[in-house]
Amino acid sequence: MKGQFKMKKWYNVELGQENAERLGAYLKNYEYKYEASVCGIWSVHFEIYLNKDAASKVDSFIRSLPEF
């Protein structure tokens, strides 16, 4: 049974509009479950449901985004 089930949990991040569009496309491409909502005037808040391995990949992608 060990290794057959990977725990998932919700992670969150807030990004500006342009980077939010990039992240949304990335998440859709890999079919990761997520929810996005507008937060303030220029920000988008993401809730992303991932296991630890996927979280590491998404984190690397987010860190590669340009800062605005």
C-alpha atoms as a PDB file:
ATOM      1  CA  MET A   1       0.000   0.000   0.000  1.00  0.00           C
ATOM      2  CA  LYS A   2       2.901   2.341   0.665  1.00  0.00           C
ATOM      3  CA  GLY A   3       3.598   4.658  -2.288  1.00  0.00           C
ATOM      4  CA  GLN A   4       0.258   3.976  -3.962  1.00  0.00           C
ATOM      5  CA  PHE A   5      -1.443   7.059  -2.536  1.00  0.00           C
ATOM      6  CA  LYS A   6       0.065  10.510  -2.586  1.00  0.00           C
ATOM      7  CA  MET A   7      -1.512  13.035  -0.265  1.00  0.00           C
ATOM      8  CA  LYS A   8      -2.801  16.171  -1.912  1.00  0.00           C
ATOM      9  CA  LYS A   9      -3.496  19.515  -0.353  1.00  0.00           C
ATOM     10  CA  TRP A  10      -4.482  23.002  -1.406  1.00  0.00           C
ATOM     11  CA  TYR A  11      -1.729  25.537  -2.106  1.00  0.00           C
ATOM     12  CA  ASN A  12      -2.348  29.204  -2.812  1.00  0.00           C
ATOM     13  CA  VAL A  13      -0.655  32.080  -4.569  1.00  0.00           C
ATOM     14  CA  GLU A  14      -1.572  35.594  -5.616  1.00  0.00           C
ATOM     15  CA  LEU A  15      -0.270  36.967  -8.916  1.00  0.00           C
ATOM     16  CA  GLY A  16      -0.679  39.971 -11.168  1.00  0.00           C
ATOM     17  CA  GLN A  17      -2.958  39.620 -14.186  1.00  0.00           C
ATOM     18  CA  GLU A  18      -0.300  38.741 -16.793  1.00  0.00           C
ATOM     19  CA  ASN A  19       1.396  36.095 -14.663  1.00  0.00           C
ATOM     20  CA  ALA A  20      -2.011  34.762 -13.618  1.00  0.00           C
ATOM     21  CA  GLU A  21      -2.829  34.140 -17.273  1.00  0.00           C
ATOM     22  CA  ARG A  22       0.477  32.283 -17.676  1.00  0.00           C
ATOM     23  CA  LEU A  23      -0.117  30.175 -14.576  1.00  0.00           C
ATOM     24  CA  GLY A  24      -3.696  29.417 -15.600  1.00  0.00           C
ATOM     25  CA  ALA A  25      -2.513  28.138 -18.983  1.00  0.00           C
ATOM     26  CA  TYR A  26       0.201  26.035 -17.304  1.00  0.00           C
ATOM     27  CA  LEU A  27      -2.264  24.483 -14.852  1.00  0.00           C
ATOM     28  CA  LYS A  28      -4.765  23.712 -17.617  1.00  0.00           C
ATOM     29  CA  ASN A  29      -2.042  22.148 -19.759  1.00  0.00           C
ATOM     30  CA  TYR A  30      -1.133  19.707 -16.967  1.00  0.00           C
ATOM     31  CA  GLU A  31      -4.785  19.268 -15.915  1.00  0.00           C
ATOM     32  CA  TYR A  32      -4.153  20.356 -12.320  1.00  0.00           C
ATOM     33  CA  LYS A  33      -7.268  21.145 -10.302  1.00  0.00           C
ATOM     34  CA  TYR A  34      -7.456  24.814  -9.323  1.00  0.00           C
ATOM     35  CA  GLU A  35      -9.741  27.726  -8.561  1.00  0.00           C
ATOM     36  CA  ALA A  36      -8.948  31.332  -9.416  1.00  0.00           C
ATOM     37  CA  SER A  37     -10.639  34.514  -8.271  1.00  0.00           C
ATOM     38  CA  VAL A  38     -10.010  38.216  -8.710  1.00  0.00           C
ATOM     39  CA  CYS A  39      -8.373  39.766  -5.669  1.00  0.00           C
ATOM     40  CA  GLY A  40      -8.285  43.540  -5.659  1.00  0.00           C
ATOM     41  CA  ILE A  41      -7.902  45.499  -8.870  1.00  0.00           C
ATOM     42  CA  TRP A  42      -4.868  43.846 -10.482  1.00  0.00           C
ATOM     43  CA  SER A  43      -4.386  40.518  -8.704  1.00  0.00           C
ATOM     44  CA  VAL A  44      -5.684  36.981  -9.098  1.00  0.00           C
ATOM     45  CA  HIS A  45      -5.771  34.522  -6.200  1.00  0.00           C
ATOM     46  CA  PHE A  46      -5.219  30.834  -7.024  1.00  0.00           C
ATOM     47  CA  GLU A  47      -6.092  27.791  -4.917  1.00  0.00           C
ATOM     48  CA  ILE A  48      -4.325  24.771  -6.464  1.00  0.00           C
ATOM     49  CA  TYR A  49      -4.867  21.132  -5.412  1.00  0.00           C
ATOM     50  CA  LEU A  50      -1.570  19.246  -5.727  1.00  0.00           C
ATOM     51  CA  ASN A  51       0.539  16.439  -4.349  1.00  0.00           C
ATOM     52  CA  LYS A  52       4.071  17.230  -3.164  1.00  0.00           C
ATOM     53  CA  ASP A  53       5.754  16.375  -6.487  1.00  0.00           C
ATOM     54  CA  ALA A  54       3.357  18.489  -8.539  1.00  0.00           C
ATOM     55  CA  ALA A  55       3.639  21.332  -6.004  1.00  0.00           C
ATOM     56  CA  SER A  56       7.397  21.397  -6.545  1.00  0.00           C
ATOM     57  CA  LYS A  57       6.940  21.634 -10.336  1.00  0.00           C
ATOM     58  CA  VAL A  58       4.325  24.388 -10.069  1.00  0.00           C
ATOM     59  CA  ASP A  59       6.512  26.277  -7.595  1.00  0.00           C
ATOM     60  CA  SER A  60       9.422  26.161 -10.058  1.00  0.00           C
ATOM     61  CA  PHE A  61       7.163  27.460 -12.812  1.00  0.00           C
ATOM     62  CA  ILE A  62       5.902  30.325 -10.634  1.00  0.00           C
ATOM     63  CA  ARG A  63       9.471  31.271  -9.679  1.00  0.00           C
ATOM     64  CA  SER A  64      10.369  31.428 -13.389  1.00  0.00           C
ATOM     65  CA  LEU A  65       7.693  34.038 -14.100  1.00  0.00           C
ATOM     66  CA  PRO A  66       8.849  37.621 -14.673  1.00  0.00           C
ATOM     67  CA  GLU A  67       8.252  40.118 -11.898  1.00  0.00           C
ATOM     68  CA  PHE A  68       6.100  43.111 -12.708  1.00  0.00           C
END
